[in-house]
Amino acid sequence: MRDLKRRDFLKLSAAGASLGLLQAAGVPASVATAAAPAAAKRGGTFTFATTSGTQEFNPLMLVPGQYPFMLALYNTLARYDAQLRLQPELAEKWEFSPDGRTLTLKLRQGVKFHSGREFTSADVKPSVEFGQKNEKVTMRATYQMVKQVEAPDKYTVVLKFDSVTTAAYDILDTLYIIDKETIEDRNKTAIGTGPFRLDKYIPNDRAEFVAFKDYWEAGKPLLDRYVMRVIPDVSALVLNLESGAIDCAWRITNMDAERLQGMRDKYAITTGAPGLGLFDIAINVTVDPLKHKKVRQAIAWSVDRERFNRRSCGGCRSRAA
């Protein structure tokens, strides 16, 4: 299978993962190693697995265990493309006022939640308020820049800011629209407007999604079913991949990534966009020998950053202080 860009992979697996290791299950080697398929195939099940599961169906809690379901279940108002140009999603167009403090959005009509209820301007304010108040929301401070949300009609939303806000487009890109009627039950269920609806959820084991037949984007999704599995043991994770029990393993060890990289007829490895992840190595500078500057400098110089970056199966970068 070809090495996928982050956005393409998320679309294919409906937010399966931005990083991963895909197995070309049941596909001849000559097709699996092709630079690009002649045409996308429709139907089938895609099974993704990682070592940790979903904490709750909160698409605004940006931690690794949450990423695999976010784009499967939910949509944002707009979405950055690979060139960081804002593209329409639930909002078809938008315009700033001359002073830059008011952003008016025209919403897409005919969008439905998985419950069958129509998405309207009345659903945007609850999503903004949830993002501003829920303690687990990662970008809470960003959403708090929105001082007022108005809905002058069914398909128009007005966001007001106290001053010119450079993060306004980031808000459109990251604010997943939640269902105000079920968000309080997010530990056990999830309803959004995304390409898949939740079919089955067993905490710490699996979540299964089926194609949402009333999805607003014509022809999507391509898959019939998307499965997220939890396999806590990283060794078992790779064994499941090699046996064909799963199609994608996320966050495998560097050693396994290096080994499987040599089998390009079966597997494709992607580490995501450079700088997507960051690991910090914290050093206690009050104890020996780390309190000595030259020791810390020696540690910093001993890290082979280029080799680490090449082997890392998570788009990670090292930083030593």
C-alpha atoms as a PDB file:
ATOM      1  CA  MET A   1       0.000   0.000   0.000  1.00  0.00           C
ATOM      2  CA  ARG A   2       1.330   3.415  -0.839  1.00  0.00           C
ATOM      3  CA  ASP A   3       2.810   5.744   1.749  1.00  0.00           C
ATOM      4  CA  LEU A   4      -0.168   7.927   2.619  1.00  0.00           C
ATOM      5  CA  LYS A   5      -0.244  11.594   3.490  1.00  0.00           C
ATOM      6  CA  ARG A   6      -1.881  12.379   6.834  1.00  0.00           C
ATOM      7  CA  ARG A   7      -5.089  13.852   5.449  1.00  0.00           C
ATOM      8  CA  ASP A   8      -5.495  11.115   2.823  1.00  0.00           C
ATOM      9  CA  PHE A   9      -5.074   8.413   5.446  1.00  0.00           C
ATOM     10  CA  LEU A  10      -7.571  10.043   7.774  1.00  0.00           C
ATOM     11  CA  LYS A  11     -10.094  10.185   4.971  1.00  0.00           C
ATOM     12  CA  LEU A  12      -9.531   6.549   4.012  1.00  0.00           C
ATOM     13  CA  SER A  13      -9.874   5.146   7.503  1.00  0.00           C
ATOM     14  CA  ALA A  14     -12.133   7.991   8.658  1.00  0.00           C
ATOM     15  CA  ALA A  15      -9.657   9.219  11.212  1.00  0.00           C
ATOM     16  CA  GLY A  16      -8.151   5.822  11.763  1.00  0.00           C
ATOM     17  CA  ALA A  17      -4.793   7.372  12.616  1.00  0.00           C
ATOM     18  CA  SER A  18      -2.421   9.974  11.293  1.00  0.00           C
ATOM     19  CA  LEU A  19       0.472   7.626  11.895  1.00  0.00           C
ATOM     20  CA  GLY A  20       0.490   3.926  11.291  1.00  0.00           C
ATOM     21  CA  LEU A  21       1.596   0.764   9.645  1.00  0.00           C
ATOM     22  CA  LEU A  22      -0.782  -0.579   7.033  1.00  0.00           C
ATOM     23  CA  GLN A  23      -1.000  -4.137   5.845  1.00  0.00           C
ATOM     24  CA  ALA A  24      -2.083  -4.744   2.274  1.00  0.00           C
ATOM     25  CA  ALA A  25      -4.377  -7.537   3.333  1.00  0.00           C
ATOM     26  CA  GLY A  26      -5.513  -9.676   0.434  1.00  0.00           C
ATOM     27  CA  VAL A  27      -3.957  -7.413  -2.184  1.00  0.00           C
ATOM     28  CA  PRO A  28      -1.362  -8.795  -4.626  1.00  0.00           C
ATOM     29  CA  ALA A  29       2.156  -7.531  -4.015  1.00  0.00           C
ATOM     30  CA  SER A  30       2.338  -5.777  -7.364  1.00  0.00           C
ATOM     31  CA  VAL A  31      -0.710  -3.672  -6.427  1.00  0.00           C
ATOM     32  CA  ALA A  32       0.393  -3.148  -2.847  1.00  0.00           C
ATOM     33  CA  THR A  33       3.664  -1.595  -3.900  1.00  0.00           C
ATOM     34  CA  ALA A  34       2.166   0.620  -6.616  1.00  0.00           C
ATOM     35  CA  ALA A  35       2.800   4.340  -6.196  1.00  0.00           C
ATOM     36  CA  ALA A  36      -0.928   5.037  -6.442  1.00  0.00           C
ATOM     37  CA  PRO A  37      -3.976   2.837  -7.068  1.00  0.00           C
ATOM     38  CA  ALA A  38      -5.835   3.221 -10.349  1.00  0.00           C
ATOM     39  CA  ALA A  39      -9.083   3.837  -8.494  1.00  0.00           C
ATOM     40  CA  ALA A  40     -10.288   3.739  -4.927  1.00  0.00           C
ATOM     41  CA  LYS A  41     -12.127   0.565  -4.000  1.00  0.00           C
ATOM     42  CA  ARG A  42     -15.541   0.693  -2.363  1.00  0.00           C
ATOM     43  CA  GLY A  43     -16.742  -1.500   0.479  1.00  0.00           C
ATOM     44  CA  GLY A  44     -15.059  -3.714   3.035  1.00  0.00           C
ATOM     45  CA  THR A  45     -13.869  -3.325   6.618  1.00  0.00           C
ATOM     46  CA  PHE A  46     -10.781  -1.528   7.836  1.00  0.00           C
ATOM     47  CA  THR A  47      -9.446  -2.640  11.233  1.00  0.00           C
ATOM     48  CA  PHE A  48      -7.140  -0.349  13.142  1.00  0.00           C
ATOM     49  CA  ALA A  49      -5.434  -1.150  16.452  1.00  0.00           C
ATOM     50  CA  THR A  50      -3.266   0.515  19.035  1.00  0.00           C
ATOM     51  CA  THR A  51      -2.250  -0.110  22.639  1.00  0.00           C
ATOM     52  CA  SER A  52      -4.589   2.373  24.360  1.00  0.00           C
ATOM     53  CA  GLY A  53      -8.281   2.949  23.924  1.00  0.00           C
ATOM     54  CA  THR A  54     -10.721   5.805  23.823  1.00  0.00           C
ATOM     55  CA  GLN A  55     -11.151   7.600  27.137  1.00  0.00           C
ATOM     56  CA  GLU A  56     -14.476   9.131  26.126  1.00  0.00           C
ATOM     57  CA  PHE A  57     -16.052  10.274  22.875  1.00  0.00           C
ATOM     58  CA  ASN A  58     -14.852  13.839  23.299  1.00  0.00           C
ATOM     59  CA  PRO A  59     -13.441  15.088  19.973  1.00  0.00           C
ATOM     60  CA  LEU A  60     -12.050  18.230  21.608  1.00  0.00           C
ATOM     61  CA  MET A  61      -9.783  16.254  23.943  1.00  0.00           C
ATOM     62  CA  LEU A  62      -6.695  16.052  21.745  1.00  0.00           C
ATOM     63  CA  VAL A  63      -4.776  13.094  23.172  1.00  0.00           C
ATOM     64  CA  PRO A  64      -3.506  10.102  21.148  1.00  0.00           C
ATOM     65  CA  GLY A  65      -6.246   7.668  22.175  1.00  0.00           C
ATOM     66  CA  GLN A  66      -8.868  10.041  20.776  1.00  0.00           C
ATOM     67  CA  TYR A  67      -7.475  10.655  17.288  1.00  0.00           C
ATOM     68  CA  PRO A  68      -8.664   7.395  15.690  1.00  0.00           C
ATOM     69  CA  PHE A  69     -12.375   8.255  15.952  1.00  0.00           C
ATOM     70  CA  MET A  70     -12.518  12.029  15.553  1.00  0.00           C
ATOM     71  CA  LEU A  71     -12.894  12.356  11.789  1.00  0.00           C
ATOM     72  CA  ALA A  72     -14.955   9.181  11.636  1.00  0.00           C
ATOM     73  CA  LEU A  73     -17.724  10.570  13.821  1.00  0.00           C
ATOM     74  CA  TYR A  74     -17.482  14.335  13.546  1.00  0.00           C
ATOM     75  CA  ASN A  75     -16.985  17.295  11.218  1.00  0.00           C
ATOM     76  CA  THR A  76     -15.574  20.742  11.836  1.00  0.00           C
ATOM     77  CA  LEU A  77     -16.858  24.007  10.392  1.00  0.00           C
ATOM     78  CA  ALA A  78     -13.894  24.191   8.001  1.00  0.00           C
ATOM     79  CA  ARG A  79     -10.685  22.249   7.461  1.00  0.00           C
ATOM     80  CA  TYR A  80      -7.113  23.159   6.544  1.00  0.00           C
ATOM     81  CA  ASP A  81      -5.784  21.348   3.495  1.00  0.00           C
ATOM     82  CA  ALA A  82      -2.164  20.198   3.077  1.00  0.00           C
ATOM     83  CA  GLN A  83      -1.164  23.749   2.083  1.00  0.00           C
ATOM     84  CA  LEU A  84      -2.934  25.200   5.163  1.00  0.00           C
ATOM     85  CA  ARG A  85      -5.664  26.739   3.042  1.00  0.00           C
ATOM     86  CA  LEU A  86      -9.021  26.705   4.765  1.00  0.00           C
ATOM     87  CA  GLN A  87     -11.566  24.552   2.924  1.00  0.00           C
ATOM     88  CA  PRO A  88     -15.350  24.326   3.457  1.00  0.00           C
ATOM     89  CA  GLU A  89     -16.797  21.573   5.584  1.00  0.00           C
ATOM     90  CA  LEU A  90     -19.950  22.221   7.645  1.00  0.00           C
ATOM     91  CA  ALA A  91     -19.572  25.901   6.759  1.00  0.00           C
ATOM     92  CA  GLU A  92     -19.620  26.599   3.021  1.00  0.00           C
ATOM     93  CA  LYS A  93     -18.387  30.196   3.195  1.00  0.00           C
ATOM     94  CA  TRP A  94     -17.274  32.783   5.754  1.00  0.00           C
ATOM     95  CA  GLU A  95     -16.430  36.457   5.932  1.00  0.00           C
ATOM     96  CA  PHE A  96     -14.840  38.811   8.444  1.00  0.00           C
ATOM     97  CA  SER A  97     -16.233  42.215   9.267  1.00  0.00           C
ATOM     98  CA  PRO A  98     -14.036  45.217   8.284  1.00  0.00           C
ATOM     99  CA  ASP A  99     -12.705  45.524  11.851  1.00  0.00           C
ATOM    100  CA  GLY A 100     -11.821  41.808  11.992  1.00  0.00           C
ATOM    101  CA  ARG A 101     -13.825  41.197  15.161  1.00  0.00           C
ATOM    102  CA  THR A 102     -16.844  39.434  13.674  1.00  0.00           C
ATOM    103  CA  LEU A 103     -16.801  36.264  11.604  1.00  0.00           C
ATOM    104  CA  THR A 104     -20.003  35.329   9.768  1.00  0.00           C
ATOM    105  CA  LEU A 105     -20.422  31.769   8.473  1.00  0.00           C
ATOM    106  CA  LYS A 106     -22.958  30.342   6.043  1.00  0.00           C
ATOM    107  CA  LEU A 107     -23.651  26.730   6.955  1.00  0.00           C
ATOM    108  CA  ARG A 108     -24.130  23.791   4.632  1.00  0.00           C
ATOM    109  CA  GLN A 109     -27.785  22.833   4.311  1.00  0.00           C
ATOM    110  CA  GLY A 110     -29.139  19.306   4.474  1.00  0.00           C
ATOM    111  CA  VAL A 111     -26.517  17.967   6.920  1.00  0.00           C
ATOM    112  CA  LYS A 112     -27.826  15.366   9.360  1.00  0.00           C
ATOM    113  CA  PHE A 113     -26.615  14.038  12.664  1.00  0.00           C
ATOM    114  CA  HIS A 114     -26.444  10.254  13.014  1.00  0.00           C
ATOM    115  CA  SER A 115     -29.712  10.467  14.964  1.00  0.00           C
ATOM    116  CA  GLY A 116     -31.434  11.863  11.863  1.00  0.00           C
ATOM    117  CA  ARG A 117     -31.775  15.367  13.316  1.00  0.00           C
ATOM    118  CA  GLU A 118     -30.773  18.222  11.000  1.00  0.00           C
ATOM    119  CA  PHE A 119     -27.639  20.218  11.778  1.00  0.00           C
ATOM    120  CA  THR A 120     -28.400  23.946  12.035  1.00  0.00           C
ATOM    121  CA  SER A 121     -26.908  27.126  13.430  1.00  0.00           C
ATOM    122  CA  ALA A 122     -28.406  26.276  16.827  1.00  0.00           C
ATOM    123  CA  ASP A 123     -25.839  23.471  17.165  1.00  0.00           C
ATOM    124  CA  VAL A 124     -22.762  25.675  16.898  1.00  0.00           C
ATOM    125  CA  LYS A 125     -23.164  27.576  20.168  1.00  0.00           C
ATOM    126  CA  PRO A 126     -23.376  24.402  22.340  1.00  0.00           C
ATOM    127  CA  SER A 127     -20.193  23.107  20.693  1.00  0.00           C
ATOM    128  CA  VAL A 128     -18.366  26.382  21.353  1.00  0.00           C
ATOM    129  CA  GLU A 129     -19.560  26.462  24.965  1.00  0.00           C
ATOM    130  CA  PHE A 130     -18.541  22.842  25.516  1.00  0.00           C
ATOM    131  CA  GLY A 131     -15.097  23.686  24.136  1.00  0.00           C
ATOM    132  CA  GLN A 132     -14.847  26.687  26.454  1.00  0.00           C
ATOM    133  CA  LYS A 133     -15.905  24.920  29.642  1.00  0.00           C
ATOM    134  CA  ASN A 134     -15.108  21.215  29.577  1.00  0.00           C
ATOM    135  CA  GLU A 135     -11.982  20.608  31.662  1.00  0.00           C
ATOM    136  CA  LYS A 136     -10.629  17.960  29.298  1.00  0.00           C
ATOM    137  CA  VAL A 137     -10.725  20.166  26.179  1.00  0.00           C
ATOM    138  CA  THR A 138      -7.132  20.682  25.061  1.00  0.00           C
ATOM    139  CA  MET A 139      -7.647  24.021  23.296  1.00  0.00           C
ATOM    140  CA  ARG A 140     -10.043  25.498  25.836  1.00  0.00           C
ATOM    141  CA  ALA A 141      -8.223  28.831  25.975  1.00  0.00           C
ATOM    142  CA  THR A 142      -8.468  29.163  22.192  1.00  0.00           C
ATOM    143  CA  TYR A 143     -12.229  28.622  22.138  1.00  0.00           C
ATOM    144  CA  GLN A 144     -12.597  31.112  24.985  1.00  0.00           C
ATOM    145  CA  MET A 145     -11.492  33.799  22.536  1.00  0.00           C
ATOM    146  CA  VAL A 146     -15.021  33.581  21.117  1.00  0.00           C
ATOM    147  CA  LYS A 147     -16.998  36.047  23.229  1.00  0.00           C
ATOM    148  CA  GLN A 148     -20.390  35.624  21.627  1.00  0.00           C
ATOM    149  CA  VAL A 149     -22.149  33.230  19.251  1.00  0.00           C
ATOM    150  CA  GLU A 150     -25.248  34.365  17.385  1.00  0.00           C
ATOM    151  CA  ALA A 151     -27.609  32.493  15.078  1.00  0.00           C
ATOM    152  CA  PRO A 152     -29.574  35.099  13.095  1.00  0.00           C
ATOM    153  CA  ASP A 153     -31.160  32.379  10.971  1.00  0.00           C
ATOM    154  CA  LYS A 154     -31.177  28.617  10.560  1.00  0.00           C
ATOM    155  CA  TYR A 155     -28.029  28.473   8.428  1.00  0.00           C
ATOM    156  CA  THR A 156     -26.037  31.513   9.566  1.00  0.00           C
ATOM    157  CA  VAL A 157     -23.650  31.705  12.519  1.00  0.00           C
ATOM    158  CA  VAL A 158     -21.850  34.801  13.768  1.00  0.00           C
ATOM    159  CA  LEU A 159     -18.747  34.503  15.963  1.00  0.00           C
ATOM    160  CA  LYS A 160     -17.722  37.657  17.795  1.00  0.00           C
ATOM    161  CA  PHE A 161     -14.325  38.446  19.303  1.00  0.00           C
ATOM    162  CA  ASP A 162     -13.129  41.265  21.547  1.00  0.00           C
ATOM    163  CA  SER A 163     -10.244  41.976  19.195  1.00  0.00           C
ATOM    164  CA  VAL A 164      -8.646  40.701  16.005  1.00  0.00           C
ATOM    165  CA  THR A 165      -7.987  37.007  16.682  1.00  0.00           C
ATOM    166  CA  THR A 166      -5.216  35.291  14.755  1.00  0.00           C
ATOM    167  CA  ALA A 167      -6.522  31.892  15.890  1.00  0.00           C
ATOM    168  CA  ALA A 168      -9.994  32.369  14.347  1.00  0.00           C
ATOM    169  CA  TYR A 169      -9.335  29.948  11.489  1.00  0.00           C
ATOM    170  CA  ASP A 170      -7.780  27.449  13.912  1.00  0.00           C
ATOM    171  CA  ILE A 171     -11.087  27.479  15.767  1.00  0.00           C
ATOM    172  CA  LEU A 172     -12.965  26.596  12.584  1.00  0.00           C
ATOM    173  CA  ASP A 173     -10.480  23.807  11.841  1.00  0.00           C
ATOM    174  CA  THR A 174     -10.513  22.166  15.285  1.00  0.00           C
ATOM    175  CA  LEU A 175     -14.008  22.765  16.681  1.00  0.00           C
ATOM    176  CA  TYR A 176     -15.741  19.446  16.031  1.00  0.00           C
ATOM    177  CA  ILE A 177     -19.492  19.866  16.085  1.00  0.00           C
ATOM    178  CA  ILE A 178     -21.034  17.686  18.784  1.00  0.00           C
ATOM    179  CA  ASP A 179     -24.627  16.618  19.272  1.00  0.00           C
ATOM    180  CA  LYS A 180     -25.957  18.779  22.103  1.00  0.00           C
ATOM    181  CA  GLU A 181     -28.574  16.157  22.962  1.00  0.00           C
ATOM    182  CA  THR A 182     -26.142  13.300  23.724  1.00  0.00           C
ATOM    183  CA  ILE A 183     -22.772  14.852  24.615  1.00  0.00           C
ATOM    184  CA  GLU A 184     -23.382  14.218  28.331  1.00  0.00           C
ATOM    185  CA  ASP A 185     -23.433  10.478  27.558  1.00  0.00           C
ATOM    186  CA  ARG A 186     -20.027  10.618  25.833  1.00  0.00           C
ATOM    187  CA  ASN A 187     -18.603   7.824  28.019  1.00  0.00           C
ATOM    188  CA  LYS A 188     -20.818   5.297  26.271  1.00  0.00           C
ATOM    189  CA  THR A 189     -22.118   6.772  23.035  1.00  0.00           C
ATOM    190  CA  ALA A 190     -21.349   9.317  20.330  1.00  0.00           C
ATOM    191  CA  ILE A 191     -23.394  11.129  17.697  1.00  0.00           C
ATOM    192  CA  GLY A 192     -21.934  13.498  15.146  1.00  0.00           C
ATOM    193  CA  THR A 193     -22.313  14.401  11.478  1.00  0.00           C
ATOM    194  CA  GLY A 194     -19.298  12.427  10.253  1.00  0.00           C
ATOM    195  CA  PRO A 195     -19.037   9.681   7.607  1.00  0.00           C
ATOM    196  CA  PHE A 196     -19.429   6.856  10.139  1.00  0.00           C
ATOM    197  CA  ARG A 197     -21.844   6.269  12.990  1.00  0.00           C
ATOM    198  CA  LEU A 198     -21.063   4.319  16.129  1.00  0.00           C
ATOM    199  CA  ASP A 199     -22.434   0.777  15.961  1.00  0.00           C
ATOM    200  CA  LYS A 200     -20.817  -0.978  18.930  1.00  0.00           C
ATOM    201  CA  TYR A 201     -18.600   0.134  21.810  1.00  0.00           C
ATOM    202  CA  ILE A 202     -16.894  -2.139  24.353  1.00  0.00           C
ATOM    203  CA  PRO A 203     -14.607  -0.025  26.606  1.00  0.00           C
ATOM    204  CA  ASN A 204     -10.928  -1.013  26.505  1.00  0.00           C
ATOM    205  CA  ASP A 205     -11.649  -3.551  23.781  1.00  0.00           C
ATOM    206  CA  ARG A 206     -13.157  -2.101  20.611  1.00  0.00           C
ATOM    207  CA  ALA A 207     -15.368   0.437  18.909  1.00  0.00           C
ATOM    208  CA  GLU A 208     -17.080  -0.426  15.635  1.00  0.00           C
ATOM    209  CA  PHE A 209     -18.456   2.086  13.149  1.00  0.00           C
ATOM    210  CA  VAL A 210     -20.647   1.639  10.089  1.00  0.00           C
ATOM    211  CA  ALA A 211     -21.012   3.915   7.093  1.00  0.00           C
ATOM    212  CA  PHE A 212     -23.546   6.696   7.660  1.00  0.00           C
ATOM    213  CA  LYS A 213     -25.846   6.430   4.680  1.00  0.00           C
ATOM    214  CA  ASP A 214     -27.120  10.000   5.014  1.00  0.00           C
ATOM    215  CA  TYR A 215     -23.645  11.546   5.077  1.00  0.00           C
ATOM    216  CA  TRP A 216     -23.634  14.935   3.362  1.00  0.00           C
ATOM    217  CA  GLU A 217     -20.527  14.383   1.198  1.00  0.00           C
ATOM    218  CA  ALA A 218     -21.587  12.452  -1.912  1.00  0.00           C
ATOM    219  CA  GLY A 219     -19.828   9.135  -2.440  1.00  0.00           C
ATOM    220  CA  LYS A 220     -18.337   8.989   1.051  1.00  0.00           C
ATOM    221  CA  PRO A 221     -17.333   7.009   2.931  1.00  0.00           C
ATOM    222  CA  LEU A 222     -15.815   4.283   0.777  1.00  0.00           C
ATOM    223  CA  LEU A 223     -15.659   1.703   3.556  1.00  0.00           C
ATOM    224  CA  ASP A 224     -18.651  -0.228   4.895  1.00  0.00           C
ATOM    225  CA  ARG A 225     -17.214  -0.632   8.367  1.00  0.00           C
ATOM    226  CA  TYR A 226     -14.355   0.784  10.413  1.00  0.00           C
ATOM    227  CA  VAL A 227     -13.134  -1.026  13.543  1.00  0.00           C
ATOM    228  CA  MET A 228     -10.915   0.340  16.306  1.00  0.00           C
ATOM    229  CA  ARG A 229      -9.328  -2.340  18.491  1.00  0.00           C
ATOM    230  CA  VAL A 230      -7.316  -2.068  21.697  1.00  0.00           C
ATOM    231  CA  ILE A 231      -4.366  -4.463  21.991  1.00  0.00           C
ATOM    232  CA  PRO A 232      -2.444  -3.377  25.132  1.00  0.00           C
ATOM    233  CA  ASP A 233       0.678  -5.465  24.523  1.00  0.00           C
ATOM    234  CA  VAL A 234       2.796  -3.889  21.793  1.00  0.00           C
ATOM    235  CA  SER A 235       4.294  -7.259  20.814  1.00  0.00           C
ATOM    236  CA  ALA A 236       0.823  -8.731  20.353  1.00  0.00           C
ATOM    237  CA  LEU A 237      -0.091  -5.642  18.339  1.00  0.00           C
ATOM    238  CA  VAL A 238       2.537  -6.468  15.729  1.00  0.00           C
ATOM    239  CA  LEU A 239       1.680 -10.176  15.749  1.00  0.00           C
ATOM    240  CA  ASN A 240      -1.934  -9.300  14.945  1.00  0.00           C
ATOM    241  CA  LEU A 241      -0.734  -7.158  12.073  1.00  0.00           C
ATOM    242  CA  GLU A 242       1.473  -9.887  10.633  1.00  0.00           C
ATOM    243  CA  SER A 243      -1.282 -12.508  10.961  1.00  0.00           C
ATOM    244  CA  GLY A 244      -3.747 -10.316   9.077  1.00  0.00           C
ATOM    245  CA  ALA A 245      -6.109  -9.910  12.054  1.00  0.00           C
ATOM    246  CA  ILE A 246      -5.778  -6.132  11.740  1.00  0.00           C
ATOM    247  CA  ASP A 247      -4.984  -3.820   8.833  1.00  0.00           C
ATOM    248  CA  CYS A 248      -3.207  -1.038  10.692  1.00  0.00           C
ATOM    249  CA  ALA A 249      -1.088  -0.849  13.829  1.00  0.00           C
ATOM    250  CA  TRP A 250      -0.409   2.519  15.393  1.00  0.00           C
ATOM    251  CA  ARG A 251       2.601   3.357  17.585  1.00  0.00           C
ATOM    252  CA  ILE A 252       4.581   0.143  17.252  1.00  0.00           C
ATOM    253  CA  THR A 253       8.144  -0.073  18.525  1.00  0.00           C
ATOM    254  CA  ASN A 254      11.053   1.327  16.544  1.00  0.00           C
ATOM    255  CA  MET A 255      12.578  -2.150  16.274  1.00  0.00           C
ATOM    256  CA  ASP A 256       9.423  -3.610  14.747  1.00  0.00           C
ATOM    257  CA  ALA A 257       9.093  -0.648  12.401  1.00  0.00           C
ATOM    258  CA  GLU A 258      12.645  -1.143  11.187  1.00  0.00           C
ATOM    259  CA  ARG A 259      12.101  -4.891  10.702  1.00  0.00           C
ATOM    260  CA  LEU A 260       8.828  -4.532   8.811  1.00  0.00           C
ATOM    261  CA  GLN A 261      10.182  -1.709   6.710  1.00  0.00           C
ATOM    262  CA  GLY A 262      12.230  -4.318   4.903  1.00  0.00           C
ATOM    263  CA  MET A 263       9.034  -6.063   3.752  1.00  0.00           C
ATOM    264  CA  ARG A 264       7.710  -3.382   1.444  1.00  0.00           C
ATOM    265  CA  ASP A 265       5.740  -5.923  -0.581  1.00  0.00           C
ATOM    266  CA  LYS A 266       3.435  -6.352   2.435  1.00  0.00           C
ATOM    267  CA  TYR A 267       3.672  -3.226   4.549  1.00  0.00           C
ATOM    268  CA  ALA A 268       3.934   0.520   4.250  1.00  0.00           C
ATOM    269  CA  ILE A 269       5.182   2.691   7.077  1.00  0.00           C
ATOM    270  CA  THR A 270       4.316   6.314   7.563  1.00  0.00           C
ATOM    271  CA  THR A 271       5.568   8.520  10.362  1.00  0.00           C
ATOM    272  CA  GLY A 272       3.334  11.461   9.536  1.00  0.00           C
ATOM    273  CA  ALA A 273       4.319  15.031   8.868  1.00  0.00           C
ATOM    274  CA  PRO A 274       7.687  16.202  10.268  1.00  0.00           C
ATOM    275  CA  GLY A 275       7.247  17.695  13.702  1.00  0.00           C
ATOM    276  CA  LEU A 276       3.804  16.209  14.214  1.00  0.00           C
ATOM    277  CA  GLY A 277       4.824  14.790  17.579  1.00  0.00           C
ATOM    278  CA  LEU A 278       7.239  15.931  20.234  1.00  0.00           C
ATOM    279  CA  PHE A 279       8.807  14.071  23.114  1.00  0.00           C
ATOM    280  CA  ASP A 280      10.422  16.089  25.901  1.00  0.00           C
ATOM    281  CA  ILE A 281      13.166  14.596  28.055  1.00  0.00           C
ATOM    282  CA  ALA A 282      12.902  16.295  31.434  1.00  0.00           C
ATOM    283  CA  ILE A 283      16.098  16.475  33.479  1.00  0.00           C
ATOM    284  CA  ASN A 284      16.307  17.178  37.212  1.00  0.00           C
ATOM    285  CA  VAL A 285      19.137  19.706  37.323  1.00  0.00           C
ATOM    286  CA  THR A 286      19.302  19.755  41.139  1.00  0.00           C
ATOM    287  CA  VAL A 287      20.911  16.319  41.559  1.00  0.00           C
ATOM    288  CA  ASP A 288      24.315  14.883  40.668  1.00  0.00           C
ATOM    289  CA  PRO A 289      25.572  14.488  38.044  1.00  0.00           C
ATOM    290  CA  LEU A 290      22.842  16.287  36.111  1.00  0.00           C
ATOM    291  CA  LYS A 291      23.310  19.553  37.955  1.00  0.00           C
ATOM    292  CA  HIS A 292      26.567  20.035  36.075  1.00  0.00           C
ATOM    293  CA  LYS A 293      26.139  21.861  32.787  1.00  0.00           C
ATOM    294  CA  LYS A 294      28.842  19.904  30.969  1.00  0.00           C
ATOM    295  CA  VAL A 295      27.094  16.620  31.809  1.00  0.00           C
ATOM    296  CA  ARG A 296      23.833  17.919  30.346  1.00  0.00           C
ATOM    297  CA  GLN A 297      25.675  19.144  27.264  1.00  0.00           C
ATOM    298  CA  ALA A 298      27.271  15.712  26.869  1.00  0.00           C
ATOM    299  CA  ILE A 299      23.829  14.085  26.959  1.00  0.00           C
ATOM    300  CA  ALA A 300      22.523  16.547  24.386  1.00  0.00           C
ATOM    301  CA  TRP A 301      25.453  15.932  22.049  1.00  0.00           C
ATOM    302  CA  SER A 302      25.125  12.144  22.430  1.00  0.00           C
ATOM    303  CA  VAL A 303      21.619  12.054  20.924  1.00  0.00           C
ATOM    304  CA  ASP A 304      21.752  11.102  17.251  1.00  0.00           C
ATOM    305  CA  ARG A 305      18.706  13.114  16.208  1.00  0.00           C
ATOM    306  CA  GLU A 306      18.781  12.159  12.545  1.00  0.00           C
ATOM    307  CA  ARG A 307      18.915   8.443  13.287  1.00  0.00           C
ATOM    308  CA  PHE A 308      16.168   8.749  15.886  1.00  0.00           C
ATOM    309  CA  ASN A 309      13.945  10.612  13.459  1.00  0.00           C
ATOM    310  CA  ARG A 310      14.430   8.043  10.722  1.00  0.00           C
ATOM    311  CA  ARG A 311      13.574   5.112  12.984  1.00  0.00           C
ATOM    312  CA  SER A 312      10.768   6.640  14.963  1.00  0.00           C
ATOM    313  CA  CYS A 313       7.326   5.262  14.138  1.00  0.00           C
ATOM    314  CA  GLY A 314       5.416   8.249  15.365  1.00  0.00           C
ATOM    315  CA  GLY A 315       6.708  11.277  13.564  1.00  0.00           C
ATOM    316  CA  CYS A 316       8.557  12.130  16.749  1.00  0.00           C
ATOM    317  CA  ARG A 317      11.431  14.488  17.273  1.00  0.00           C
ATOM    318  CA  SER A 318      13.884  14.550  20.173  1.00  0.00           C
ATOM    319  CA  ARG A 319      14.845  17.638  22.113  1.00  0.00           C
ATOM    320  CA  ALA A 320      17.511  17.607  24.803  1.00  0.00           C
ATOM    321  CA  ALA A 321      18.052  20.605  27.061  1.00  0.00           C
END
